[in-house]
Amino acid sequence: MQVEIISEDKGEAEIQMDSQTVAEILRVYLNEQGVEFAAWRRDHPSKPIILKIKASSGVKKAVSSAIAGINKDCSALVNELKK
């Protein structure tokens, strides 16, 4: 999977990626954390996805926290499935 930061400003960033699934999961977790804004768009099916994030606490911190939450939930799911 390719991920590229297109623009980054204080509290705001646009990230380009090629996975709609990852973009949607990140959007959900970011919004659950209470960031100001998290949404993705795709101008055309042949174009990459752009994930836009606005967070007063900082975008990198918000994304790191969201990824930690995703990892935690995935680990819990794997443990439940092993039972």
Protein backbone atom coordinates (compact mmCIF):
# COMPACT_ATOMS: atom_id res chain seq x y z
CA MET A 1 0.00 0.00 0.00
CA GLN A 2 1.27 3.43 -0.91
CA VAL A 3 0.73 6.39 1.40
CA GLU A 4 1.90 9.93 0.68
CA ILE A 5 1.39 13.14 2.63
CA ILE A 6 0.21 15.68 0.06
CA SER A 7 -0.03 18.68 2.35
CA GLU A 8 0.55 19.24 6.02
CA ASP A 9 -0.17 22.38 7.97
CA LYS A 10 -0.68 23.06 11.65
CA GLY A 11 -3.59 20.86 12.64
CA GLU A 12 -4.51 19.90 9.07
CA ALA A 13 -3.27 17.37 6.52
CA GLU A 14 -4.17 15.61 3.29
CA ILE A 15 -2.94 12.07 2.81
CA GLN A 16 -3.04 10.19 -0.50
CA MET A 17 -3.49 6.43 -0.40
CA ASP A 18 -4.60 3.64 -2.67
CA SER A 19 -6.73 1.61 -0.23
CA GLN A 20 -10.36 2.59 0.28
CA THR A 21 -10.66 0.09 3.12
CA VAL A 22 -7.80 1.63 5.11
CA ALA A 23 -9.08 5.15 4.43
CA GLU A 24 -12.56 4.25 5.72
CA ILE A 25 -11.28 2.50 8.85
CA LEU A 26 -9.00 5.44 9.65
CA ARG A 27 -11.86 7.89 9.09
CA VAL A 28 -14.11 6.01 11.50
CA TYR A 29 -11.49 5.77 14.24
CA LEU A 30 -10.43 9.40 13.82
CA ASN A 31 -14.03 10.59 14.09
CA GLU A 32 -14.57 8.41 17.17
CA GLN A 33 -11.61 10.19 18.78
CA GLY A 34 -13.31 13.52 18.26
CA VAL A 35 -11.08 15.12 15.64
CA GLU A 36 -12.56 18.23 14.06
CA PHE A 37 -12.83 16.66 10.60
CA ALA A 38 -11.86 13.39 8.94
CA ALA A 39 -13.15 12.35 5.51
CA TRP A 40 -11.88 10.83 2.31
CA ARG A 41 -12.72 11.45 -1.31
CA ARG A 42 -11.92 9.91 -4.66
CA ASP A 43 -12.39 12.13 -7.69
CA HIS A 44 -12.51 9.14 -10.06
CA PRO A 45 -12.12 5.36 -9.62
CA SER A 46 -8.79 5.51 -11.45
CA LYS A 47 -7.48 8.21 -9.07
CA PRO A 48 -6.05 7.66 -5.57
CA ILE A 49 -8.00 8.42 -2.40
CA ILE A 50 -7.37 11.66 -0.51
CA LEU A 51 -7.94 11.53 3.26
CA LYS A 52 -8.35 14.99 4.81
CA ILE A 53 -7.87 15.39 8.55
CA LYS A 54 -8.26 18.42 10.83
CA ALA A 55 -7.24 17.96 14.46
CA SER A 56 -6.50 20.64 17.02
CA SER A 57 -4.25 18.23 18.95
CA GLY A 58 -2.14 17.59 15.85
CA VAL A 59 -2.69 15.31 12.90
CA LYS A 60 0.26 12.99 13.56
CA LYS A 61 -0.84 12.44 17.14
CA ALA A 62 -4.44 11.77 16.06
CA VAL A 63 -3.42 9.31 13.33
CA SER A 64 -1.02 7.50 15.69
CA SER A 65 -3.76 7.20 18.29
CA ALA A 66 -6.24 5.92 15.70
CA ILE A 67 -3.76 3.31 14.46
CA ALA A 68 -3.12 2.19 18.04
CA GLY A 69 -6.88 1.78 18.51
CA ILE A 70 -7.17 -0.22 15.30
CA ASN A 71 -4.30 -2.50 16.39
CA LYS A 72 -5.87 -3.00 19.81
CA ASP A 73 -9.28 -3.89 18.35
CA CYS A 74 -7.76 -6.23 15.76
CA SER A 75 -5.74 -8.03 18.46
CA ALA A 76 -8.85 -8.43 20.59
CA LEU A 77 -10.74 -9.85 17.59
CA VAL A 78 -7.95 -12.32 16.81
CA ASN A 79 -7.87 -13.45 20.45
CA GLU A 80 -11.65 -13.99 20.43
CA LEU A 81 -11.47 -16.00 17.22
CA LYS A 82 -8.76 -18.25 18.68
CA LYS A 83 -11.06 -19.37 21.50
